[in-house]
Amino acid sequence: MFMRKVLDTAKNCWMVPIIISLIFSGCSKNQSDNANKNPEIQQQQFGSENQGDEIPEQLENLENNIERIFSTLDGPAIELKSGKQQKQNQKQQKTQDGNEEHPKAEKKTEEKADNSKGNNEGQKNEGSKDDSSKDKNGEGEEKQNGDTKNESTGQKNQPSATGMEEEEKDPWKEIDKIINTLHYEWNSYTPLAAKNNASRDLIDGFSTALNSLTDTIISKNKTNTLLAASYLYAYIPDFYSLYRTETSPEIKRVRYYTRNAMLNAMTANWEQADSDMKNLKSIWNIYKNVVSEEQKELSSQLDYSIQEFEKVLSEKNQPLCDIKGRVVMSNIQSLEESMK
């Protein structure tokens, strides 16, 4: 009997930790099930799936400042707006639309105010007629005296040729500011690009091109600076491809080859210009097939402008290459903005 009690006691002691472990495993299972059902808990554990989808402001600033170099030197450029600027413009448009909803009420109040002002002004006009006639006589005498003074001192008032030259802005001072800003923005964007799996070759290539552009600016050669800036812009579409954008980054590559063909035509480098045109047509022929029905008209305009640009390029007509190329650049911008 004694041995049986001992065995029963031992069994009960072994069962206690097993029961406790079962209770805790059941609680942990309930907690894991609740976490799987609750998406907020999943986001806290694994992070948001949309990280990296938004285009960084630093990248937009890089593109905009490269465009500023082209525009400052009167090259083929476009005016780009950042995502924040576009949102602000949309908000302003909404507020304007809201203010136009009640124009009749505003007009009525304005008409009442005008009527009250008209009655008061009618009484004042009768008393001010005599004063106005006196003022006119006084002004006439002052004008005659002023004219005689200006005739005697006319040579002093005329601006000199050196003064006109000093008033003209030196574009290279503005270029120096832009290139310094580009270096700071590139330093700010580099870790973000690496975080979004930008290749080492892409990062090194942009860095080398930026340094090359800086060295070219020191020589203050307009043509070489435009070509170096175009070479730097060639990396921009690759950086945009790291993100989920509303429009395909390939439209920026179409812009790159268009501008490069224009610049090479300007320097009579027709072989490179022809190569740029071939690359332009190759990318555009693929890109235009994915354009939606809403942008078909703009797509057709761009398509015809590329054909006309190719024609004058084959004729080696430099003045027309500049004109037709700028038309293509404008159509590219219109198409890109319509897709946002």
C-alpha atoms as a PDB file:
ATOM      1  CA  MET A   1       0.000   0.000   0.000  1.00  0.00           C
ATOM      2  CA  PHE A   2       2.826   2.348   0.877  1.00  0.00           C
ATOM      3  CA  MET A   3       4.553   1.782  -2.482  1.00  0.00           C
ATOM      4  CA  ARG A   4       1.307   2.430  -4.372  1.00  0.00           C
ATOM      5  CA  LYS A   5       0.823   5.808  -2.645  1.00  0.00           C
ATOM      6  CA  VAL A   6       4.373   6.742  -3.545  1.00  0.00           C
ATOM      7  CA  LEU A   7       3.786   5.890  -7.216  1.00  0.00           C
ATOM      8  CA  ASP A   8       0.521   7.877  -7.337  1.00  0.00           C
ATOM      9  CA  THR A   9       2.244  10.902  -5.826  1.00  0.00           C
ATOM     10  CA  ALA A  10       5.074  10.684  -8.384  1.00  0.00           C
ATOM     11  CA  LYS A  11       2.589  10.519 -11.272  1.00  0.00           C
ATOM     12  CA  ASN A  12       0.806  13.625 -10.006  1.00  0.00           C
ATOM     13  CA  CYS A  13       4.133  15.512  -9.736  1.00  0.00           C
ATOM     14  CA  TRP A  14       5.065  14.652 -13.335  1.00  0.00           C
ATOM     15  CA  MET A  15       1.665  15.774 -14.611  1.00  0.00           C
ATOM     16  CA  VAL A  16       1.936  19.305 -13.177  1.00  0.00           C
ATOM     17  CA  PRO A  17       4.639  20.661 -15.545  1.00  0.00           C
ATOM     18  CA  ILE A  18       2.917  19.018 -18.515  1.00  0.00           C
ATOM     19  CA  ILE A  19      -0.389  20.734 -17.675  1.00  0.00           C
ATOM     20  CA  ILE A  20       1.366  24.080 -17.183  1.00  0.00           C
ATOM     21  CA  SER A  21       3.166  23.783 -20.530  1.00  0.00           C
ATOM     22  CA  LEU A  22      -0.108  23.001 -22.303  1.00  0.00           C
ATOM     23  CA  ILE A  23      -1.764  26.101 -20.783  1.00  0.00           C
ATOM     24  CA  PHE A  24       1.074  28.409 -21.893  1.00  0.00           C
ATOM     25  CA  SER A  25       1.231  26.908 -25.374  1.00  0.00           C
ATOM     26  CA  GLY A  26      -2.494  27.522 -25.787  1.00  0.00           C
ATOM     27  CA  CYS A  27      -2.092  31.180 -24.775  1.00  0.00           C
ATOM     28  CA  SER A  28       0.816  31.719 -27.131  1.00  0.00           C
ATOM     29  CA  LYS A  29      -1.163  30.144 -29.969  1.00  0.00           C
ATOM     30  CA  ASN A  30      -4.078  32.520 -29.369  1.00  0.00           C
ATOM     31  CA  GLN A  31      -1.717  35.482 -29.413  1.00  0.00           C
ATOM     32  CA  SER A  32      -0.143  34.380 -32.709  1.00  0.00           C
ATOM     33  CA  ASP A  33      -3.582  33.852 -34.259  1.00  0.00           C
ATOM     34  CA  ASN A  34      -4.643  37.352 -33.236  1.00  0.00           C
ATOM     35  CA  ALA A  35      -1.481  38.793 -34.742  1.00  0.00           C
ATOM     36  CA  ASN A  36      -2.108  37.039 -38.044  1.00  0.00           C
ATOM     37  CA  LYS A  37      -5.686  38.312 -38.134  1.00  0.00           C
ATOM     38  CA  ASN A  38      -4.767  41.922 -37.273  1.00  0.00           C
ATOM     39  CA  PRO A  39      -2.959  43.689 -40.143  1.00  0.00           C
ATOM     40  CA  GLU A  40      -1.725  46.475 -37.847  1.00  0.00           C
ATOM     41  CA  ILE A  41       0.208  43.951 -35.774  1.00  0.00           C
ATOM     42  CA  GLN A  42       1.685  42.463 -38.926  1.00  0.00           C
ATOM     43  CA  GLN A  43       2.848  45.887 -40.080  1.00  0.00           C
ATOM     44  CA  GLN A  44       4.531  46.488 -36.737  1.00  0.00           C
ATOM     45  CA  GLN A  45       6.314  43.147 -36.939  1.00  0.00           C
ATOM     46  CA  PHE A  46       7.357  43.141 -40.599  1.00  0.00           C
ATOM     47  CA  GLY A  47       7.198  46.844 -41.604  1.00  0.00           C
ATOM     48  CA  SER A  48       5.133  48.496 -44.303  1.00  0.00           C
ATOM     49  CA  GLU A  49       5.107  46.889 -47.702  1.00  0.00           C
ATOM     50  CA  ASN A  50       5.003  50.328 -49.410  1.00  0.00           C
ATOM     51  CA  GLN A  51       8.410  51.465 -48.188  1.00  0.00           C
ATOM     52  CA  GLY A  52      10.509  52.835 -51.062  1.00  0.00           C
ATOM     53  CA  ASP A  53       7.536  53.343 -53.375  1.00  0.00           C
ATOM     54  CA  GLU A  54       7.483  57.128 -53.028  1.00  0.00           C
ATOM     55  CA  ILE A  55      10.040  59.032 -55.088  1.00  0.00           C
ATOM     56  CA  PRO A  56      12.454  60.886 -52.780  1.00  0.00           C
ATOM     57  CA  GLU A  57      12.507  64.652 -52.997  1.00  0.00           C
ATOM     58  CA  GLN A  58      16.302  64.536 -53.339  1.00  0.00           C
ATOM     59  CA  LEU A  59      16.002  62.666 -56.650  1.00  0.00           C
ATOM     60  CA  GLU A  60      13.483  65.177 -57.999  1.00  0.00           C
ATOM     61  CA  ASN A  61      15.810  68.001 -56.985  1.00  0.00           C
ATOM     62  CA  LEU A  62      18.715  66.359 -58.798  1.00  0.00           C
ATOM     63  CA  GLU A  63      16.696  66.194 -62.001  1.00  0.00           C
ATOM     64  CA  ASN A  64      15.393  69.748 -61.651  1.00  0.00           C
ATOM     65  CA  ASN A  65      18.837  71.222 -61.088  1.00  0.00           C
ATOM     66  CA  ILE A  66      20.262  69.435 -64.118  1.00  0.00           C
ATOM     67  CA  GLU A  67      17.440  71.007 -66.123  1.00  0.00           C
ATOM     68  CA  ARG A  68      18.362  74.380 -64.624  1.00  0.00           C
ATOM     69  CA  ILE A  69      21.845  74.063 -66.102  1.00  0.00           C
ATOM     70  CA  PHE A  70      20.335  73.611 -69.564  1.00  0.00           C
ATOM     71  CA  SER A  71      17.946  76.540 -69.154  1.00  0.00           C
ATOM     72  CA  THR A  72      20.620  78.871 -67.731  1.00  0.00           C
ATOM     73  CA  LEU A  73      22.828  78.255 -70.783  1.00  0.00           C
ATOM     74  CA  ASP A  74      19.859  78.548 -73.211  1.00  0.00           C
ATOM     75  CA  GLY A  75      20.026  74.862 -74.017  1.00  0.00           C
ATOM     76  CA  PRO A  76      17.139  72.434 -74.658  1.00  0.00           C
ATOM     77  CA  ALA A  77      15.452  72.318 -71.263  1.00  0.00           C
ATOM     78  CA  ILE A  78      12.071  71.745 -69.660  1.00  0.00           C
ATOM     79  CA  GLU A  79      10.495  73.071 -66.483  1.00  0.00           C
ATOM     80  CA  LEU A  80       9.823  70.281 -64.063  1.00  0.00           C
ATOM     81  CA  LYS A  81       7.747  70.427 -60.894  1.00  0.00           C
ATOM     82  CA  SER A  82       8.312  68.330 -57.838  1.00  0.00           C
ATOM     83  CA  GLY A  83       5.618  66.118 -56.401  1.00  0.00           C
ATOM     84  CA  LYS A  84       4.988  68.588 -53.543  1.00  0.00           C
ATOM     85  CA  GLN A  85       4.604  71.480 -55.971  1.00  0.00           C
ATOM     86  CA  GLN A  86       2.058  69.505 -57.998  1.00  0.00           C
ATOM     87  CA  LYS A  87       0.027  68.746 -54.856  1.00  0.00           C
ATOM     88  CA  GLN A  88       0.094  72.409 -53.858  1.00  0.00           C
ATOM     89  CA  ASN A  89      -1.102  73.410 -57.317  1.00  0.00           C
ATOM     90  CA  GLN A  90      -3.950  70.899 -57.086  1.00  0.00           C
ATOM     91  CA  LYS A  91      -5.007  72.306 -53.693  1.00  0.00           C
ATOM     92  CA  GLN A  92      -4.919  75.851 -55.049  1.00  0.00           C
ATOM     93  CA  GLN A  93      -7.056  74.799 -58.001  1.00  0.00           C
ATOM     94  CA  LYS A  94      -9.616  73.216 -55.664  1.00  0.00           C
ATOM     95  CA  THR A  95      -9.820  76.352 -53.553  1.00  0.00           C
ATOM     96  CA  GLN A  96     -10.311  78.464 -56.668  1.00  0.00           C
ATOM     97  CA  ASP A  97     -13.094  76.163 -57.830  1.00  0.00           C
ATOM     98  CA  GLY A  98     -14.740  76.441 -54.416  1.00  0.00           C
ATOM     99  CA  ASN A  99     -14.610  80.228 -54.489  1.00  0.00           C
ATOM    100  CA  GLU A 100     -16.301  80.279 -57.895  1.00  0.00           C
ATOM    101  CA  GLU A 101     -19.350  78.382 -56.614  1.00  0.00           C
ATOM    102  CA  HIS A 102     -20.994  81.544 -55.192  1.00  0.00           C
ATOM    103  CA  PRO A 103     -20.132  84.334 -57.632  1.00  0.00           C
ATOM    104  CA  LYS A 104     -23.662  85.807 -57.680  1.00  0.00           C
ATOM    105  CA  ALA A 105     -23.679  86.633 -53.992  1.00  0.00           C
ATOM    106  CA  GLU A 106     -20.328  88.349 -54.309  1.00  0.00           C
ATOM    107  CA  LYS A 107     -21.490  90.365 -57.319  1.00  0.00           C
ATOM    108  CA  LYS A 108     -24.567  91.620 -55.449  1.00  0.00           C
ATOM    109  CA  THR A 109     -22.514  92.874 -52.552  1.00  0.00           C
ATOM    110  CA  GLU A 110     -20.075  94.521 -54.951  1.00  0.00           C
ATOM    111  CA  GLU A 111     -22.944  96.247 -56.808  1.00  0.00           C
ATOM    112  CA  LYS A 112     -24.363  97.625 -53.552  1.00  0.00           C
ATOM    113  CA  ALA A 113     -20.961  98.951 -52.568  1.00  0.00           C
ATOM    114  CA  ASP A 114     -20.458 100.517 -55.999  1.00  0.00           C
ATOM    115  CA  ASN A 115     -23.866 102.254 -55.841  1.00  0.00           C
ATOM    116  CA  SER A 116     -23.114 103.764 -52.451  1.00  0.00           C
ATOM    117  CA  LYS A 117     -19.683 104.901 -53.636  1.00  0.00           C
ATOM    118  CA  GLY A 118     -21.211 106.411 -56.813  1.00  0.00           C
ATOM    119  CA  ASN A 119     -23.597 108.597 -54.821  1.00  0.00           C
ATOM    120  CA  ASN A 120     -20.811 109.904 -52.611  1.00  0.00           C
ATOM    121  CA  GLU A 121     -18.439 110.483 -55.506  1.00  0.00           C
ATOM    122  CA  GLY A 122     -21.098 112.403 -57.485  1.00  0.00           C
ATOM    123  CA  GLN A 123     -21.226 115.009 -54.740  1.00  0.00           C
ATOM    124  CA  LYS A 124     -17.453 115.274 -54.517  1.00  0.00           C
ATOM    125  CA  ASN A 125     -16.860 115.631 -58.283  1.00  0.00           C
ATOM    126  CA  GLU A 126     -18.646 119.040 -58.475  1.00  0.00           C
ATOM    127  CA  GLY A 127     -16.385 120.535 -55.875  1.00  0.00           C
ATOM    128  CA  SER A 128     -13.188 119.048 -57.333  1.00  0.00           C
ATOM    129  CA  LYS A 129     -13.586 120.370 -60.916  1.00  0.00           C
ATOM    130  CA  ASP A 130     -12.103 123.772 -60.088  1.00  0.00           C
ATOM    131  CA  ASP A 131      -9.201 122.202 -58.202  1.00  0.00           C
ATOM    132  CA  SER A 132      -8.409 119.838 -61.095  1.00  0.00           C
ATOM    133  CA  SER A 133      -8.226 122.685 -63.590  1.00  0.00           C
ATOM    134  CA  LYS A 134      -5.760 124.496 -61.338  1.00  0.00           C
ATOM    135  CA  ASP A 135      -3.653 121.350 -60.956  1.00  0.00           C
ATOM    136  CA  LYS A 136      -3.483 120.837 -64.709  1.00  0.00           C
ATOM    137  CA  ASN A 137      -2.162 124.369 -65.260  1.00  0.00           C
ATOM    138  CA  GLY A 138       0.469 123.807 -62.596  1.00  0.00           C
ATOM    139  CA  GLU A 139       1.490 120.462 -64.080  1.00  0.00           C
ATOM    140  CA  GLY A 140       1.863 122.021 -67.523  1.00  0.00           C
ATOM    141  CA  GLU A 141       4.349 124.558 -66.221  1.00  0.00           C
ATOM    142  CA  GLU A 142       6.320 121.896 -64.372  1.00  0.00           C
ATOM    143  CA  LYS A 143       6.545 119.717 -67.497  1.00  0.00           C
ATOM    144  CA  GLN A 144       7.950 122.613 -69.556  1.00  0.00           C
ATOM    145  CA  ASN A 145      10.555 123.370 -66.919  1.00  0.00           C
ATOM    146  CA  GLY A 146      11.399 119.675 -66.636  1.00  0.00           C
ATOM    147  CA  ASP A 147      11.844 119.281 -70.394  1.00  0.00           C
ATOM    148  CA  THR A 148      14.302 122.186 -70.553  1.00  0.00           C
ATOM    149  CA  LYS A 149      16.326 120.653 -67.698  1.00  0.00           C
ATOM    150  CA  ASN A 150      16.406 117.230 -69.365  1.00  0.00           C
ATOM    151  CA  GLU A 151      17.620 118.742 -72.625  1.00  0.00           C
ATOM    152  CA  SER A 152      20.559 120.385 -70.907  1.00  0.00           C
ATOM    153  CA  THR A 153      21.486 117.236 -68.940  1.00  0.00           C
ATOM    154  CA  GLY A 154      20.464 114.585 -71.495  1.00  0.00           C
ATOM    155  CA  GLN A 155      23.951 113.173 -71.911  1.00  0.00           C
ATOM    156  CA  LYS A 156      24.252 112.377 -68.202  1.00  0.00           C
ATOM    157  CA  ASN A 157      21.000 110.364 -68.112  1.00  0.00           C
ATOM    158  CA  GLN A 158      21.923 108.069 -70.993  1.00  0.00           C
ATOM    159  CA  PRO A 159      23.369 104.708 -69.758  1.00  0.00           C
ATOM    160  CA  SER A 160      26.914 103.955 -70.876  1.00  0.00           C
ATOM    161  CA  ALA A 161      27.913 100.810 -72.735  1.00  0.00           C
ATOM    162  CA  THR A 162      29.970  99.560 -69.798  1.00  0.00           C
ATOM    163  CA  GLY A 163      27.006 100.061 -67.484  1.00  0.00           C
ATOM    164  CA  MET A 164      24.809  97.913 -69.727  1.00  0.00           C
ATOM    165  CA  GLU A 165      27.396  95.140 -69.679  1.00  0.00           C
ATOM    166  CA  GLU A 166      27.581  95.210 -65.881  1.00  0.00           C
ATOM    167  CA  GLU A 167      23.800  94.915 -65.629  1.00  0.00           C
ATOM    168  CA  GLU A 168      23.793  91.750 -67.699  1.00  0.00           C
ATOM    169  CA  LYS A 169      23.891  88.623 -65.532  1.00  0.00           C
ATOM    170  CA  ASP A 170      26.824  86.278 -65.775  1.00  0.00           C
ATOM    171  CA  PRO A 171      25.297  82.793 -66.340  1.00  0.00           C
ATOM    172  CA  TRP A 172      28.384  81.046 -64.983  1.00  0.00           C
ATOM    173  CA  LYS A 173      27.844  82.497 -61.524  1.00  0.00           C
ATOM    174  CA  GLU A 174      24.427  80.854 -61.489  1.00  0.00           C
ATOM    175  CA  ILE A 175      25.928  77.624 -62.864  1.00  0.00           C
ATOM    176  CA  ASP A 176      28.455  77.578 -59.999  1.00  0.00           C
ATOM    177  CA  LYS A 177      25.622  77.774 -57.468  1.00  0.00           C
ATOM    178  CA  ILE A 178      23.699  74.976 -59.195  1.00  0.00           C
ATOM    179  CA  ILE A 179      26.662  72.591 -59.380  1.00  0.00           C
ATOM    180  CA  ASN A 180      27.441  73.139 -55.680  1.00  0.00           C
ATOM    181  CA  THR A 181      23.817  72.344 -54.843  1.00  0.00           C
ATOM    182  CA  LEU A 182      23.992  69.205 -56.988  1.00  0.00           C
ATOM    183  CA  HIS A 183      26.929  67.859 -54.979  1.00  0.00           C
ATOM    184  CA  TYR A 184      25.073  68.340 -51.673  1.00  0.00           C
ATOM    185  CA  GLU A 185      21.887  66.782 -53.045  1.00  0.00           C
ATOM    186  CA  TRP A 186      23.795  63.827 -54.449  1.00  0.00           C
ATOM    187  CA  ASN A 187      25.429  63.245 -51.068  1.00  0.00           C
ATOM    188  CA  SER A 188      21.969  63.299 -49.468  1.00  0.00           C
ATOM    189  CA  TYR A 189      20.436  60.934 -52.014  1.00  0.00           C
ATOM    190  CA  THR A 190      23.269  58.349 -52.261  1.00  0.00           C
ATOM    191  CA  PRO A 191      22.309  56.341 -49.129  1.00  0.00           C
ATOM    192  CA  LEU A 192      18.662  56.324 -50.240  1.00  0.00           C
ATOM    193  CA  ALA A 193      19.641  54.954 -53.645  1.00  0.00           C
ATOM    194  CA  ALA A 194      21.777  52.248 -52.044  1.00  0.00           C
ATOM    195  CA  LYS A 195      18.908  51.365 -49.696  1.00  0.00           C
ATOM    196  CA  ASN A 196      16.654  50.803 -52.725  1.00  0.00           C
ATOM    197  CA  ASN A 197      19.135  48.374 -54.288  1.00  0.00           C
ATOM    198  CA  ALA A 198      20.844  50.751 -56.716  1.00  0.00           C
ATOM    199  CA  SER A 199      23.814  48.979 -58.254  1.00  0.00           C
ATOM    200  CA  ARG A 200      27.360  50.003 -57.447  1.00  0.00           C
ATOM    201  CA  ASP A 201      27.979  50.742 -61.125  1.00  0.00           C
ATOM    202  CA  LEU A 202      24.985  53.099 -61.248  1.00  0.00           C
ATOM    203  CA  ILE A 203      26.106  55.048 -58.169  1.00  0.00           C
ATOM    204  CA  ASP A 204      29.740  55.224 -59.304  1.00  0.00           C
ATOM    205  CA  GLY A 205      28.700  56.199 -62.823  1.00  0.00           C
ATOM    206  CA  PHE A 206      26.609  59.150 -61.662  1.00  0.00           C
ATOM    207  CA  SER A 207      29.340  60.267 -59.248  1.00  0.00           C
ATOM    208  CA  THR A 208      31.968  60.196 -62.021  1.00  0.00           C
ATOM    209  CA  ALA A 209      29.676  62.073 -64.421  1.00  0.00           C
ATOM    210  CA  LEU A 210      28.956  64.724 -61.773  1.00  0.00           C
ATOM    211  CA  ASN A 211      32.681  65.275 -61.164  1.00  0.00           C
ATOM    212  CA  SER A 212      33.284  65.462 -64.913  1.00  0.00           C
ATOM    213  CA  LEU A 213      30.544  68.078 -65.293  1.00  0.00           C
ATOM    214  CA  THR A 214      32.096  70.115 -62.472  1.00  0.00           C
ATOM    215  CA  ASP A 215      35.521  70.082 -64.164  1.00  0.00           C
ATOM    216  CA  THR A 216      33.929  71.090 -67.473  1.00  0.00           C
ATOM    217  CA  ILE A 217      32.125  74.052 -65.883  1.00  0.00           C
ATOM    218  CA  ILE A 218      35.457  75.457 -64.704  1.00  0.00           C
ATOM    219  CA  SER A 219      36.498  75.932 -68.352  1.00  0.00           C
ATOM    220  CA  LYS A 220      33.265  77.903 -69.013  1.00  0.00           C
ATOM    221  CA  ASN A 221      32.708  76.224 -72.361  1.00  0.00           C
ATOM    222  CA  LYS A 222      28.982  76.315 -73.101  1.00  0.00           C
ATOM    223  CA  THR A 223      28.824  73.436 -75.607  1.00  0.00           C
ATOM    224  CA  ASN A 224      30.972  71.073 -73.553  1.00  0.00           C
ATOM    225  CA  THR A 225      29.007  71.916 -70.409  1.00  0.00           C
ATOM    226  CA  LEU A 226      25.689  71.106 -72.112  1.00  0.00           C
ATOM    227  CA  LEU A 227      27.063  67.776 -73.359  1.00  0.00           C
ATOM    228  CA  ALA A 228      28.436  66.915 -69.894  1.00  0.00           C
ATOM    229  CA  ALA A 229      25.084  67.798 -68.298  1.00  0.00           C
ATOM    230  CA  SER A 230      23.295  65.582 -70.833  1.00  0.00           C
ATOM    231  CA  TYR A 231      25.644  62.705 -70.007  1.00  0.00           C
ATOM    232  CA  LEU A 232      24.821  63.183 -66.306  1.00  0.00           C
ATOM    233  CA  TYR A 233      21.080  63.156 -67.042  1.00  0.00           C
ATOM    234  CA  ALA A 234      21.483  59.736 -68.701  1.00  0.00           C
ATOM    235  CA  TYR A 235      21.549  58.154 -65.210  1.00  0.00           C
ATOM    236  CA  ILE A 236      18.315  59.791 -64.023  1.00  0.00           C
ATOM    237  CA  PRO A 237      15.920  57.260 -65.668  1.00  0.00           C
ATOM    238  CA  ASP A 238      17.808  54.401 -63.995  1.00  0.00           C
ATOM    239  CA  PHE A 239      17.331  55.939 -60.550  1.00  0.00           C
ATOM    240  CA  TYR A 240      13.612  56.484 -61.178  1.00  0.00           C
ATOM    241  CA  SER A 241      13.295  52.823 -62.135  1.00  0.00           C
ATOM    242  CA  LEU A 242      14.064  51.943 -58.501  1.00  0.00           C
ATOM    243  CA  TYR A 243      10.585  53.176 -57.498  1.00  0.00           C
ATOM    244  CA  ARG A 244       6.978  52.561 -58.415  1.00  0.00           C
ATOM    245  CA  THR A 245       6.212  55.644 -60.483  1.00  0.00           C
ATOM    246  CA  GLU A 246       2.960  56.774 -62.091  1.00  0.00           C
ATOM    247  CA  THR A 247       4.704  56.982 -65.458  1.00  0.00           C
ATOM    248  CA  SER A 248       7.383  54.742 -66.888  1.00  0.00           C
ATOM    249  CA  PRO A 249      10.917  56.135 -66.424  1.00  0.00           C
ATOM    250  CA  GLU A 250      11.529  55.314 -70.079  1.00  0.00           C
ATOM    251  CA  ILE A 251       9.850  58.608 -71.060  1.00  0.00           C
ATOM    252  CA  LYS A 252      12.839  60.300 -69.414  1.00  0.00           C
ATOM    253  CA  ARG A 253      15.161  58.163 -71.494  1.00  0.00           C
ATOM    254  CA  VAL A 254      13.311  59.357 -74.608  1.00  0.00           C
ATOM    255  CA  ARG A 255      14.024  62.889 -73.425  1.00  0.00           C
ATOM    256  CA  TYR A 256      17.706  62.078 -72.907  1.00  0.00           C
ATOM    257  CA  TYR A 257      18.255  60.726 -76.427  1.00  0.00           C
ATOM    258  CA  THR A 258      16.287  63.613 -77.964  1.00  0.00           C
ATOM    259  CA  ARG A 259      18.396  66.216 -76.210  1.00  0.00           C
ATOM    260  CA  ASN A 260      21.624  64.356 -76.897  1.00  0.00           C
ATOM    261  CA  ALA A 261      20.798  64.185 -80.605  1.00  0.00           C
ATOM    262  CA  MET A 262      20.139  67.944 -80.604  1.00  0.00           C
ATOM    263  CA  LEU A 263      23.442  68.747 -78.896  1.00  0.00           C
ATOM    264  CA  ASN A 264      25.457  66.481 -81.154  1.00  0.00           C
ATOM    265  CA  ALA A 265      23.768  68.007 -84.195  1.00  0.00           C
ATOM    266  CA  MET A 266      24.715  71.430 -82.850  1.00  0.00           C
ATOM    267  CA  THR A 267      28.389  70.361 -82.801  1.00  0.00           C
ATOM    268  CA  ALA A 268      28.074  68.659 -86.236  1.00  0.00           C
ATOM    269  CA  ASN A 269      28.756  65.263 -84.666  1.00  0.00           C
ATOM    270  CA  TRP A 270      26.296  63.649 -87.071  1.00  0.00           C
ATOM    271  CA  GLU A 271      27.421  60.073 -86.465  1.00  0.00           C
ATOM    272  CA  GLN A 272      26.624  60.280 -82.744  1.00  0.00           C
ATOM    273  CA  ALA A 273      23.430  62.202 -83.477  1.00  0.00           C
ATOM    274  CA  ASP A 274      22.267  59.393 -85.789  1.00  0.00           C
ATOM    275  CA  SER A 275      23.052  56.854 -83.064  1.00  0.00           C
ATOM    276  CA  ASP A 276      21.002  58.867 -80.561  1.00  0.00           C
ATOM    277  CA  MET A 277      18.104  59.004 -83.005  1.00  0.00           C
ATOM    278  CA  LYS A 278      18.147  55.218 -83.458  1.00  0.00           C
ATOM    279  CA  ASN A 279      18.069  54.686 -79.697  1.00  0.00           C
ATOM    280  CA  LEU A 280      15.296  57.278 -79.401  1.00  0.00           C
ATOM    281  CA  LYS A 281      13.098  55.532 -81.965  1.00  0.00           C
ATOM    282  CA  SER A 282      13.783  52.101 -80.486  1.00  0.00           C
ATOM    283  CA  ILE A 283      12.638  53.133 -77.003  1.00  0.00           C
ATOM    284  CA  TRP A 284       9.711  55.210 -78.252  1.00  0.00           C
ATOM    285  CA  ASN A 285       8.343  52.428 -80.466  1.00  0.00           C
ATOM    286  CA  ILE A 286       8.054  50.238 -77.371  1.00  0.00           C
ATOM    287  CA  TYR A 287       6.809  52.950 -75.038  1.00  0.00           C
ATOM    288  CA  LYS A 288       4.008  54.240 -77.278  1.00  0.00           C
ATOM    289  CA  ASN A 289       2.340  50.818 -77.250  1.00  0.00           C
ATOM    290  CA  VAL A 290       1.569  51.134 -73.541  1.00  0.00           C
ATOM    291  CA  VAL A 291       0.089  54.641 -73.744  1.00  0.00           C
ATOM    292  CA  SER A 292      -3.569  54.734 -72.685  1.00  0.00           C
ATOM    293  CA  GLU A 293      -6.429  55.889 -74.893  1.00  0.00           C
ATOM    294  CA  GLU A 294      -6.647  59.183 -73.020  1.00  0.00           C
ATOM    295  CA  GLN A 295      -3.135  60.135 -74.131  1.00  0.00           C
ATOM    296  CA  LYS A 296      -3.401  58.870 -77.725  1.00  0.00           C
ATOM    297  CA  GLU A 297      -3.616  62.368 -79.189  1.00  0.00           C
ATOM    298  CA  LEU A 298      -0.541  63.574 -77.317  1.00  0.00           C
ATOM    299  CA  SER A 299       1.215  60.363 -78.257  1.00  0.00           C
ATOM    300  CA  SER A 300       0.472  60.989 -81.941  1.00  0.00           C
ATOM    301  CA  GLN A 301       1.806  64.533 -81.707  1.00  0.00           C
ATOM    302  CA  LEU A 302       5.026  63.260 -80.189  1.00  0.00           C
ATOM    303  CA  ASP A 303       5.276  60.512 -82.802  1.00  0.00           C
ATOM    304  CA  TYR A 304       4.965  62.939 -85.721  1.00  0.00           C
ATOM    305  CA  SER A 305       7.399  65.398 -84.154  1.00  0.00           C
ATOM    306  CA  ILE A 306      10.009  62.628 -83.814  1.00  0.00           C
ATOM    307  CA  GLN A 307       9.577  61.788 -87.489  1.00  0.00           C
ATOM    308  CA  GLU A 308      10.097  65.422 -88.494  1.00  0.00           C
ATOM    309  CA  PHE A 309      13.126  65.663 -86.230  1.00  0.00           C
ATOM    310  CA  GLU A 310      14.603  62.555 -87.821  1.00  0.00           C
ATOM    311  CA  LYS A 311      14.061  64.044 -91.299  1.00  0.00           C
ATOM    312  CA  VAL A 312      15.960  67.286 -90.666  1.00  0.00           C
ATOM    313  CA  LEU A 313      18.641  65.344 -88.807  1.00  0.00           C
ATOM    314  CA  SER A 314      19.233  63.149 -91.844  1.00  0.00           C
ATOM    315  CA  GLU A 315      19.490  66.337 -93.931  1.00  0.00           C
ATOM    316  CA  LYS A 316      22.095  67.697 -91.467  1.00  0.00           C
ATOM    317  CA  ASN A 317      20.181  70.935 -91.104  1.00  0.00           C
ATOM    318  CA  GLN A 318      21.447  72.417 -87.836  1.00  0.00           C
ATOM    319  CA  PRO A 319      18.959  75.312 -87.412  1.00  0.00           C
ATOM    320  CA  LEU A 320      15.967  73.043 -88.058  1.00  0.00           C
ATOM    321  CA  CYS A 321      17.402  70.325 -85.796  1.00  0.00           C
ATOM    322  CA  ASP A 322      17.288  72.802 -82.910  1.00  0.00           C
ATOM    323  CA  ILE A 323      13.696  73.865 -83.691  1.00  0.00           C
ATOM    324  CA  LYS A 324      12.306  70.385 -84.347  1.00  0.00           C
ATOM    325  CA  GLY A 325      14.153  68.981 -81.346  1.00  0.00           C
ATOM    326  CA  ARG A 326      12.612  71.559 -79.035  1.00  0.00           C
ATOM    327  CA  VAL A 327       9.175  70.632 -80.375  1.00  0.00           C
ATOM    328  CA  VAL A 328       9.869  67.003 -79.454  1.00  0.00           C
ATOM    329  CA  MET A 329      11.019  68.055 -75.977  1.00  0.00           C
ATOM    330  CA  SER A 330       7.809  70.037 -75.456  1.00  0.00           C
ATOM    331  CA  ASN A 331       5.644  67.097 -76.567  1.00  0.00           C
ATOM    332  CA  ILE A 332       7.510  64.746 -74.232  1.00  0.00           C
ATOM    333  CA  GLN A 333       6.794  67.051 -71.316  1.00  0.00           C
ATOM    334  CA  SER A 334       3.106  67.344 -72.225  1.00  0.00           C
ATOM    335  CA  LEU A 335       2.737  63.562 -72.452  1.00  0.00           C
ATOM    336  CA  GLU A 336       4.568  62.943 -69.190  1.00  0.00           C
ATOM    337  CA  GLU A 337       2.478  65.492 -67.266  1.00  0.00           C
ATOM    338  CA  SER A 338      -0.779  64.094 -68.663  1.00  0.00           C
ATOM    339  CA  MET A 339       0.031  60.701 -67.167  1.00  0.00           C
ATOM    340  CA  LYS A 340       0.450  61.994 -63.618  1.00  0.00           C
END
